[in-house]
Amino acid sequence: MAKPVELDEAWLDRIADQVNGLEYGSVLITVHDGRIVQIDRTDRKRFDAAAVRQQGAASAQG
């Protein structure tokens, strides 16, 4: 049977810190033997391709 994950206020704060300000991406929480041992954050940046093309065309004309 799986052990319940041990969460204290410190880990909740760490998780909240990683999620806050994240526009696109993911937060991966690694658990070993019922304890959080690692938090990985992956940030993604998304760019609108049409807007980039328009900016490039405008600067080429100017």
Protein backbone atom coordinates (compact mmCIF):
# COMPACT_ATOMS: atom_id res chain seq x y z
CA MET A 1 0.00 0.00 0.00
CA ALA A 2 1.27 3.47 -0.86
CA LYS A 3 2.42 5.78 1.89
CA PRO A 4 0.66 9.13 2.20
CA VAL A 5 2.85 12.01 1.06
CA GLU A 6 4.28 14.05 3.92
CA LEU A 7 3.52 17.73 3.30
CA ASP A 8 4.53 20.45 5.69
CA GLU A 9 4.26 24.23 5.39
CA ALA A 10 7.82 24.52 4.03
CA TRP A 11 7.08 22.21 1.08
CA LEU A 12 3.77 23.94 0.37
CA ASP A 13 5.64 27.26 0.25
CA ARG A 14 8.31 25.82 -2.07
CA ILE A 15 5.65 24.46 -4.43
CA ALA A 16 3.75 27.76 -4.42
CA ASP A 17 6.99 29.64 -5.18
CA GLN A 18 7.57 27.47 -8.25
CA VAL A 19 4.00 27.84 -9.54
CA ASN A 20 3.74 31.60 -8.94
CA GLY A 21 4.68 33.60 -12.02
CA LEU A 22 4.56 30.57 -14.30
CA GLU A 23 2.73 31.57 -17.48
CA TYR A 24 3.42 28.45 -19.55
CA GLY A 25 5.24 25.38 -18.34
CA SER A 26 5.13 22.65 -15.79
CA VAL A 27 6.11 21.82 -12.23
CA LEU A 28 7.18 18.24 -11.55
CA ILE A 29 7.22 16.98 -7.97
CA THR A 30 9.30 13.87 -7.31
CA VAL A 31 8.28 11.69 -4.36
CA HIS A 32 10.38 8.87 -2.85
CA ASP A 33 9.03 6.68 -0.08
CA GLY A 34 6.18 9.09 0.67
CA ARG A 35 8.42 12.17 0.89
CA ILE A 36 8.92 14.99 -1.59
CA VAL A 37 12.57 14.99 -2.59
CA GLN A 38 12.68 17.26 -5.63
CA ILE A 39 10.78 19.97 -7.50
CA ASP A 40 11.56 20.68 -11.17
CA ARG A 41 10.18 23.72 -12.98
CA THR A 42 10.13 24.04 -16.76
CA ASP A 43 9.32 27.46 -18.21
CA ARG A 44 7.98 27.77 -21.73
CA LYS A 45 7.88 30.91 -23.82
CA ARG A 46 5.29 31.18 -26.57
CA PHE A 47 5.61 33.57 -29.46
CA ASP A 48 2.95 34.53 -31.96
CA ALA A 49 4.53 33.76 -35.35
CA ALA A 50 2.27 36.22 -37.22
CA ALA A 51 3.25 39.10 -34.91
CA VAL A 52 6.94 38.29 -35.36
CA ARG A 53 6.55 38.32 -39.17
CA GLN A 54 4.77 41.68 -39.04
CA GLN A 55 7.52 43.20 -36.90
CA GLY A 56 10.18 41.88 -39.27
CA ALA A 57 8.37 43.33 -42.31
CA ALA A 58 7.91 46.71 -40.59
CA SER A 59 11.58 46.98 -39.67
CA ALA A 60 12.67 45.99 -43.21
CA GLN A 61 10.55 48.83 -44.66
CA GLY A 62 11.79 51.44 -42.18
